[in-house]
Amino acid sequence: MIDIKFIKEENRAVAYDNETEIGECKYREIENIWNIIHTGVNSNYQGKGIAKTLVKCIIENSKKYNKEIIAECSYAKKILEN
């Protein structure tokens, strides 16, 4: 089972398969803006929607913390545009 955890202290959301880290979405915080800078998933887990779930996790938490969200990461930028 894949678990997604938001780790604010590390500025990232992480996907785990049991205890193994299989993906992450990282952001940089500048004042009131979270800029998603990287999204990646282990090649063995690609095509399962994990990257999209990681990006959505960051977006949801940006709302919770009243932060504007932008994306330098091309994948996350596509998600934000939809």
PDB file of N, CA and C in Angstrom:
ATOM      1  N   MET A   1       0.841  -1.184   0.000  1.00  0.00           N
ATOM      2  CA  MET A   1       0.000   0.000   0.000  1.00  0.00           C
ATOM      3  C   MET A   1       0.888   1.251   0.000  1.00  0.00           C
ATOM      4  N   ILE A   2       0.528   2.220  -0.816  1.00  0.00           N
ATOM      5  CA  ILE A   2       1.286   3.453  -0.931  1.00  0.00           C
ATOM      6  C   ILE A   2       0.722   4.494   0.035  1.00  0.00           C
ATOM      7  N   ASP A   3       1.602   5.066   0.853  1.00  0.00           N
ATOM      8  CA  ASP A   3       1.225   6.122   1.795  1.00  0.00           C
ATOM      9  C   ASP A   3       1.885   7.423   1.361  1.00  0.00           C
ATOM     10  N   ILE A   4       1.146   8.518   1.440  1.00  0.00           N
ATOM     11  CA  ILE A   4       1.673   9.840   1.137  1.00  0.00           C
ATOM     12  C   ILE A   4       1.745  10.620   2.447  1.00  0.00           C
ATOM     13  N   LYS A   5       2.905  11.184   2.739  1.00  0.00           N
ATOM     14  CA  LYS A   5       3.076  11.970   3.964  1.00  0.00           C
ATOM     15  C   LYS A   5       3.600  13.345   3.607  1.00  0.00           C
ATOM     16  N   PHE A   6       2.999  14.372   4.207  1.00  0.00           N
ATOM     17  CA  PHE A   6       3.461  15.743   4.048  1.00  0.00           C
ATOM     18  C   PHE A   6       4.415  16.039   5.197  1.00  0.00           C
ATOM     19  N   ILE A   7       5.625  16.478   4.880  1.00  0.00           N
ATOM     20  CA  ILE A   7       6.628  16.771   5.907  1.00  0.00           C
ATOM     21  C   ILE A   7       7.010  18.243   5.773  1.00  0.00           C
ATOM     22  N   LYS A   8       6.300  19.106   6.490  1.00  0.00           N
ATOM     23  CA  LYS A   8       6.488  20.557   6.363  1.00  0.00           C
ATOM     24  C   LYS A   8       7.914  20.979   6.704  1.00  0.00           C
ATOM     25  N   GLU A   9       8.515  20.362   7.724  1.00  0.00           N
ATOM     26  CA  GLU A   9       9.866  20.729   8.158  1.00  0.00           C
ATOM     27  C   GLU A   9      10.903  20.482   7.054  1.00  0.00           C
ATOM     28  N   GLU A  10      10.593  19.578   6.132  1.00  0.00           N
ATOM     29  CA  GLU A  10      11.519  19.237   5.043  1.00  0.00           C
ATOM     30  C   GLU A  10      11.057  19.819   3.703  1.00  0.00           C
ATOM     31  N   ASN A  11       9.967  20.576   3.725  1.00  0.00           N
ATOM     32  CA  ASN A  11       9.403  21.181   2.506  1.00  0.00           C
ATOM     33  C   ASN A  11       9.154  20.141   1.412  1.00  0.00           C
ATOM     34  N   ARG A  12       8.473  19.076   1.761  1.00  0.00           N
ATOM     35  CA  ARG A  12       8.201  18.045   0.759  1.00  0.00           C
ATOM     36  C   ARG A  12       7.062  17.122   1.179  1.00  0.00           C
ATOM     37  N   ALA A  13       6.513  16.464   0.158  1.00  0.00           N
ATOM     38  CA  ALA A  13       5.564  15.372   0.355  1.00  0.00           C
ATOM     39  C   ALA A  13       6.292  14.126  -0.131  1.00  0.00           C
ATOM     40  N   VAL A  14       6.101  13.024   0.566  1.00  0.00           N
ATOM     41  CA  VAL A  14       6.835  11.798   0.268  1.00  0.00           C
ATOM     42  C   VAL A  14       5.871  10.634   0.111  1.00  0.00           C
ATOM     43  N   ALA A  15       6.163   9.772  -0.869  1.00  0.00           N
ATOM     44  CA  ALA A  15       5.384   8.552  -1.068  1.00  0.00           C
ATOM     45  C   ALA A  15       6.203   7.372  -0.549  1.00  0.00           C
ATOM     46  N   TYR A  16       5.543   6.522   0.224  1.00  0.00           N
ATOM     47  CA  TYR A  16       6.195   5.333   0.786  1.00  0.00           C
ATOM     48  C   TYR A  16       5.437   4.082   0.370  1.00  0.00           C
ATOM     49  N   ASP A  17       6.184   3.046   0.057  1.00  0.00           N
ATOM     50  CA  ASP A  17       5.634   1.702  -0.098  1.00  0.00           C
ATOM     51  C   ASP A  17       6.153   0.950   1.113  1.00  0.00           C
ATOM     52  N   ASN A  18       5.294   0.763   2.097  1.00  0.00           N
ATOM     53  CA  ASN A  18       5.696   0.282   3.417  1.00  0.00           C
ATOM     54  C   ASN A  18       6.729   1.253   3.980  1.00  0.00           C
ATOM     55  N   GLU A  19       7.975   0.823   4.199  1.00  0.00           N
ATOM     56  CA  GLU A  19       9.006   1.696   4.767  1.00  0.00           C
ATOM     57  C   GLU A  19       9.894   2.321   3.700  1.00  0.00           C
ATOM     58  N   THR A  20       9.711   1.941   2.437  1.00  0.00           N
ATOM     59  CA  THR A  20      10.590   2.390   1.363  1.00  0.00           C
ATOM     60  C   THR A  20      10.072   3.675   0.719  1.00  0.00           C
ATOM     61  N   GLU A  21      10.944   4.689   0.671  1.00  0.00           N
ATOM     62  CA  GLU A  21      10.581   5.944   0.006  1.00  0.00           C
ATOM     63  C   GLU A  21      10.646   5.716  -1.504  1.00  0.00           C
ATOM     64  N   ILE A  22       9.522   5.983  -2.181  1.00  0.00           N
ATOM     65  CA  ILE A  22       9.453   5.712  -3.629  1.00  0.00           C
ATOM     66  C   ILE A  22       9.224   6.965  -4.464  1.00  0.00           C
ATOM     67  N   GLY A  23       8.979   8.100  -3.810  1.00  0.00           N
ATOM     68  CA  GLY A  23       8.774   9.332  -4.564  1.00  0.00           C
ATOM     69  C   GLY A  23       8.692  10.527  -3.648  1.00  0.00           C
ATOM     70  N   GLU A  24       8.886  11.716  -4.266  1.00  0.00           N
ATOM     71  CA  GLU A  24       8.779  12.938  -3.481  1.00  0.00           C
ATOM     72  C   GLU A  24       8.411  14.109  -4.373  1.00  0.00           C
ATOM     73  N   CYS A  25       7.855  15.108  -3.735  1.00  0.00           N
ATOM     74  CA  CYS A  25       7.565  16.392  -4.367  1.00  0.00           C
ATOM     75  C   CYS A  25       8.109  17.441  -3.412  1.00  0.00           C
ATOM     76  N   LYS A  26       9.096  18.220  -3.888  1.00  0.00           N
ATOM     77  CA  LYS A  26       9.766  19.201  -3.039  1.00  0.00           C
ATOM     78  C   LYS A  26       9.380  20.613  -3.453  1.00  0.00           C
ATOM     79  N   TYR A  27       9.319  21.492  -2.468  1.00  0.00           N
ATOM     80  CA  TYR A  27       9.035  22.894  -2.750  1.00  0.00           C
ATOM     81  C   TYR A  27       9.986  23.789  -1.971  1.00  0.00           C
ATOM     82  N   ARG A  28      10.132  25.010  -2.475  1.00  0.00           N
ATOM     83  CA  ARG A  28      10.939  26.034  -1.809  1.00  0.00           C
ATOM     84  C   ARG A  28       9.968  27.092  -1.300  1.00  0.00           C
ATOM     85  N   GLU A  29      10.123  27.483  -0.046  1.00  0.00           N
ATOM     86  CA  GLU A  29       9.229  28.487   0.550  1.00  0.00           C
ATOM     87  C   GLU A  29       9.918  29.847   0.558  1.00  0.00           C
ATOM     88  N   ILE A  30       9.268  30.818  -0.072  1.00  0.00           N
ATOM     89  CA  ILE A  30       9.771  32.183  -0.095  1.00  0.00           C
ATOM     90  C   ILE A  30       8.608  33.078   0.322  1.00  0.00           C
ATOM     91  N   GLU A  31       8.689  33.599   1.528  1.00  0.00           N
ATOM     92  CA  GLU A  31       7.640  34.410   2.122  1.00  0.00           C
ATOM     93  C   GLU A  31       6.309  33.658   2.074  1.00  0.00           C
ATOM     94  N   ASN A  32       5.327  34.159   1.310  1.00  0.00           N
ATOM     95  CA  ASN A  32       4.003  33.531   1.267  1.00  0.00           C
ATOM     96  C   ASN A  32       3.824  32.617   0.072  1.00  0.00           C
ATOM     97  N   ILE A  33       4.912  32.219  -0.572  1.00  0.00           N
ATOM     98  CA  ILE A  33       4.828  31.413  -1.798  1.00  0.00           C
ATOM     99  C   ILE A  33       5.564  30.090  -1.608  1.00  0.00           C
ATOM    100  N   TRP A  34       4.902  29.019  -2.045  1.00  0.00           N
ATOM    101  CA  TRP A  34       5.563  27.715  -2.143  1.00  0.00           C
ATOM    102  C   TRP A  34       5.786  27.442  -3.618  1.00  0.00           C
ATOM    103  N   ASN A  35       7.038  27.263  -4.005  1.00  0.00           N
ATOM    104  CA  ASN A  35       7.408  26.993  -5.380  1.00  0.00           C
ATOM    105  C   ASN A  35       7.812  25.517  -5.487  1.00  0.00           C
ATOM    106  N   ILE A  36       7.009  24.726  -6.183  1.00  0.00           N
ATOM    107  CA  ILE A  36       7.340  23.304  -6.362  1.00  0.00           C
ATOM    108  C   ILE A  36       8.522  23.225  -7.328  1.00  0.00           C
ATOM    109  N   ILE A  37       9.617  22.634  -6.855  1.00  0.00           N
ATOM    110  CA  ILE A  37      10.843  22.611  -7.642  1.00  0.00           C
ATOM    111  C   ILE A  37      11.194  21.225  -8.192  1.00  0.00           C
ATOM    112  N   HIS A  38      10.587  20.180  -7.646  1.00  0.00           N
ATOM    113  CA  HIS A  38      10.933  18.835  -8.115  1.00  0.00           C
ATOM    114  C   HIS A  38       9.831  17.844  -7.751  1.00  0.00           C
ATOM    115  N   THR A  39       9.513  16.989  -8.702  1.00  0.00           N
ATOM    116  CA  THR A  39       8.619  15.865  -8.450  1.00  0.00           C
ATOM    117  C   THR A  39       9.250  14.648  -9.105  1.00  0.00           C
ATOM    118  N   GLY A  40       9.380  13.578  -8.351  1.00  0.00           N
ATOM    119  CA  GLY A  40       9.971  12.367  -8.912  1.00  0.00           C
ATOM    120  C   GLY A  40       9.438  11.118  -8.237  1.00  0.00           C
ATOM    121  N   VAL A  41       9.328  10.055  -9.037  1.00  0.00           N
ATOM    122  CA  VAL A  41       8.851   8.762  -8.534  1.00  0.00           C
ATOM    123  C   VAL A  41       9.779   7.677  -9.073  1.00  0.00           C
ATOM    124  N   ASN A  42      10.107   6.731  -8.231  1.00  0.00           N
ATOM    125  CA  ASN A  42      10.925   5.583  -8.632  1.00  0.00           C
ATOM    126  C   ASN A  42      10.335   4.942  -9.891  1.00  0.00           C
ATOM    127  N   SER A  43      11.184   4.597 -10.839  1.00  0.00           N
ATOM    128  CA  SER A  43      10.717   4.079 -12.136  1.00  0.00           C
ATOM    129  C   SER A  43       9.833   2.839 -12.009  1.00  0.00           C
ATOM    130  N   ASN A  44      10.021   2.048 -10.968  1.00  0.00           N
ATOM    131  CA  ASN A  44       9.195   0.854 -10.766  1.00  0.00           C
ATOM    132  C   ASN A  44       7.753   1.196 -10.385  1.00  0.00           C
ATOM    133  N   TYR A  45       7.494   2.456 -10.016  1.00  0.00           N
ATOM    134  CA  TYR A  45       6.171   2.862  -9.551  1.00  0.00           C
ATOM    135  C   TYR A  45       5.510   3.895 -10.462  1.00  0.00           C
ATOM    136  N   GLN A  46       6.151   4.225 -11.556  1.00  0.00           N
ATOM    137  CA  GLN A  46       5.601   5.243 -12.449  1.00  0.00           C
ATOM    138  C   GLN A  46       4.347   4.732 -13.152  1.00  0.00           C
ATOM    139  N   GLY A  47       3.497   5.674 -13.545  1.00  0.00           N
ATOM    140  CA  GLY A  47       2.256   5.338 -14.241  1.00  0.00           C
ATOM    141  C   GLY A  47       1.110   4.951 -13.333  1.00  0.00           C
ATOM    142  N   LYS A  48       1.269   5.161 -12.031  1.00  0.00           N
ATOM    143  CA  LYS A  48       0.229   4.789 -11.070  1.00  0.00           C
ATOM    144  C   LYS A  48      -0.429   6.003 -10.426  1.00  0.00           C
ATOM    145  N   GLY A  49      -0.104   7.211 -10.916  1.00  0.00           N
ATOM    146  CA  GLY A  49      -0.706   8.425 -10.373  1.00  0.00           C
ATOM    147  C   GLY A  49      -0.065   8.936  -9.096  1.00  0.00           C
ATOM    148  N   ILE A  50       1.077   8.386  -8.729  1.00  0.00           N
ATOM    149  CA  ILE A  50       1.725   8.776  -7.470  1.00  0.00           C
ATOM    150  C   ILE A  50       2.237  10.217  -7.545  1.00  0.00           C
ATOM    151  N   ALA A  51       2.875  10.586  -8.647  1.00  0.00           N
ATOM    152  CA  ALA A  51       3.400  11.951  -8.788  1.00  0.00           C
ATOM    153  C   ALA A  51       2.273  12.972  -8.681  1.00  0.00           C
ATOM    154  N   LYS A  52       1.158  12.691  -9.332  1.00  0.00           N
ATOM    155  CA  LYS A  52       0.005  13.598  -9.280  1.00  0.00           C
ATOM    156  C   LYS A  52      -0.507  13.730  -7.850  1.00  0.00           C
ATOM    157  N   THR A  53      -0.564  12.627  -7.131  1.00  0.00           N
ATOM    158  CA  THR A  53      -1.021  12.644  -5.742  1.00  0.00           C
ATOM    159  C   THR A  53      -0.064  13.450  -4.871  1.00  0.00           C
ATOM    160  N   LEU A  54       1.231  13.346  -5.127  1.00  0.00           N
ATOM    161  CA  LEU A  54       2.218  14.113  -4.366  1.00  0.00           C
ATOM    162  C   LEU A  54       2.032  15.616  -4.603  1.00  0.00           C
ATOM    163  N   VAL A  55       1.858  16.004  -5.860  1.00  0.00           N
ATOM    164  CA  VAL A  55       1.648  17.421  -6.184  1.00  0.00           C
ATOM    165  C   VAL A  55       0.372  17.922  -5.525  1.00  0.00           C
ATOM    166  N   LYS A  56      -0.696  17.140  -5.603  1.00  0.00           N
ATOM    167  CA  LYS A  56      -1.966  17.542  -4.990  1.00  0.00           C
ATOM    168  C   LYS A  56      -1.833  17.670  -3.473  1.00  0.00           C
ATOM    169  N   CYS A  57      -1.006  16.855  -2.873  1.00  0.00           N
ATOM    170  CA  CYS A  57      -0.757  16.942  -1.434  1.00  0.00           C
ATOM    171  C   CYS A  57      -0.131  18.292  -1.088  1.00  0.00           C
ATOM    172  N   ILE A  58       0.836  18.731  -1.878  1.00  0.00           N
ATOM    173  CA  ILE A  58       1.469  20.041  -1.651  1.00  0.00           C
ATOM    174  C   ILE A  58       0.437  21.155  -1.849  1.00  0.00           C
ATOM    175  N   ILE A  59      -0.373  21.049  -2.897  1.00  0.00           N
ATOM    176  CA  ILE A  59      -1.397  22.065  -3.174  1.00  0.00           C
ATOM    177  C   ILE A  59      -2.384  22.166  -2.005  1.00  0.00           C
ATOM    178  N   GLU A  60      -2.870  21.024  -1.523  1.00  0.00           N
ATOM    179  CA  GLU A  60      -3.818  21.013  -0.404  1.00  0.00           C
ATOM    180  C   GLU A  60      -3.212  21.647   0.844  1.00  0.00           C
ATOM    181  N   ASN A  61      -1.955  21.332   1.117  1.00  0.00           N
ATOM    182  CA  ASN A  61      -1.310  21.889   2.303  1.00  0.00           C
ATOM    183  C   ASN A  61      -1.000  23.368   2.141  1.00  0.00           C
ATOM    184  N   SER A  62      -0.760  23.820   0.914  1.00  0.00           N
ATOM    185  CA  SER A  62      -0.535  25.254   0.702  1.00  0.00           C
ATOM    186  C   SER A  62      -1.791  26.039   1.084  1.00  0.00           C
ATOM    187  N   LYS A  63      -2.947  25.467   0.794  1.00  0.00           N
ATOM    188  CA  LYS A  63      -4.216  26.116   1.173  1.00  0.00           C
ATOM    189  C   LYS A  63      -4.361  26.134   2.694  1.00  0.00           C
ATOM    190  N   LYS A  64      -4.014  25.024   3.329  1.00  0.00           N
ATOM    191  CA  LYS A  64      -4.110  24.905   4.785  1.00  0.00           C
ATOM    192  C   LYS A  64      -3.242  25.956   5.488  1.00  0.00           C
ATOM    193  N   TYR A  65      -2.059  26.231   4.898  1.00  0.00           N
ATOM    194  CA  TYR A  65      -1.129  27.190   5.497  1.00  0.00           C
ATOM    195  C   TYR A  65      -1.220  28.585   4.856  1.00  0.00           C
ATOM    196  N   ASN A  66      -2.262  28.805   4.035  1.00  0.00           N
ATOM    197  CA  ASN A  66      -2.501  30.101   3.381  1.00  0.00           C
ATOM    198  C   ASN A  66      -1.303  30.576   2.566  1.00  0.00           C
ATOM    199  N   LYS A  67      -0.749  29.680   1.751  1.00  0.00           N
ATOM    200  CA  LYS A  67       0.388  30.005   0.894  1.00  0.00           C
ATOM    201  C   LYS A  67      -0.043  29.978  -0.567  1.00  0.00           C
ATOM    202  N   GLU A  68       0.525  30.879  -1.341  1.00  0.00           N
ATOM    203  CA  GLU A  68       0.319  30.858  -2.789  1.00  0.00           C
ATOM    204  C   GLU A  68       1.201  29.743  -3.345  1.00  0.00           C
ATOM    205  N   ILE A  69       0.752  29.094  -4.408  1.00  0.00           N
ATOM    206  CA  ILE A  69       1.530  27.983  -4.967  1.00  0.00           C
ATOM    207  C   ILE A  69       1.896  28.280  -6.419  1.00  0.00           C
ATOM    208  N   ILE A  70       3.163  28.049  -6.745  1.00  0.00           N
ATOM    209  CA  ILE A  70       3.647  28.152  -8.118  1.00  0.00           C
ATOM    210  C   ILE A  70       4.518  26.924  -8.370  1.00  0.00           C
ATOM    211  N   ALA A  71       4.902  26.722  -9.624  1.00  0.00           N
ATOM    212  CA  ALA A  71       5.709  25.537  -9.925  1.00  0.00           C
ATOM    213  C   ALA A  71       6.804  25.842 -10.937  1.00  0.00           C
ATOM    214  N   GLU A  72       8.005  25.556 -10.531  1.00  0.00           N
ATOM    215  CA  GLU A  72       9.176  25.571 -11.409  1.00  0.00           C
ATOM    216  C   GLU A  72       9.276  24.206 -12.097  1.00  0.00           C
ATOM    217  N   CYS A  73       8.855  23.177 -11.393  1.00  0.00           N
ATOM    218  CA  CYS A  73       8.837  21.802 -11.907  1.00  0.00           C
ATOM    219  C   CYS A  73       7.810  21.710 -13.041  1.00  0.00           C
ATOM    220  N   SER A  74       8.247  21.239 -14.200  1.00  0.00           N
ATOM    221  CA  SER A  74       7.353  21.200 -15.370  1.00  0.00           C
ATOM    222  C   SER A  74       6.145  20.290 -15.149  1.00  0.00           C
ATOM    223  N   TYR A  75       6.328  19.171 -14.469  1.00  0.00           N
ATOM    224  CA  TYR A  75       5.205  18.265 -14.212  1.00  0.00           C
ATOM    225  C   TYR A  75       4.165  18.950 -13.320  1.00  0.00           C
ATOM    226  N   ALA A  76       4.624  19.545 -12.220  1.00  0.00           N
ATOM    227  CA  ALA A  76       3.713  20.213 -11.292  1.00  0.00           C
ATOM    228  C   ALA A  76       3.027  21.404 -11.968  1.00  0.00           C
ATOM    229  N   LYS A  77       3.742  22.089 -12.847  1.00  0.00           N
ATOM    230  CA  LYS A  77       3.179  23.230 -13.566  1.00  0.00           C
ATOM    231  C   LYS A  77       1.963  22.787 -14.389  1.00  0.00           C
ATOM    232  N   LYS A  78       2.057  21.618 -15.026  1.00  0.00           N
ATOM    233  CA  LYS A  78       0.919  21.074 -15.815  1.00  0.00           C
ATOM    234  C   LYS A  78      -0.276  20.797 -14.911  1.00  0.00           C
ATOM    235  N   ILE A  79      -0.030  20.268 -13.735  1.00  0.00           N
ATOM    236  CA  ILE A  79      -1.116  19.968 -12.787  1.00  0.00           C
ATOM    237  C   ILE A  79      -1.786  21.277 -12.350  1.00  0.00           C
ATOM    238  N   LEU A  80      -0.993  22.290 -12.052  1.00  0.00           N
ATOM    239  CA  LEU A  80      -1.533  23.569 -11.593  1.00  0.00           C
ATOM    240  C   LEU A  80      -2.353  24.254 -12.693  1.00  0.00           C
ATOM    241  N   GLU A  81      -1.968  24.074 -13.942  1.00  0.00           N
ATOM    242  CA  GLU A  81      -2.673  24.715 -15.040  1.00  0.00           C
ATOM    243  C   GLU A  81      -4.042  24.084 -15.310  1.00  0.00           C
ATOM    244  N   ASN A  82      -4.236  22.841 -14.873  1.00  0.00           N
ATOM    245  CA  ASN A  82      -5.529  22.161 -15.097  1.00  0.00           C
ATOM    246  C   ASN A  82      -6.518  22.433 -14.004  1.00  0.00           C
TER     247      ASN A  82
END
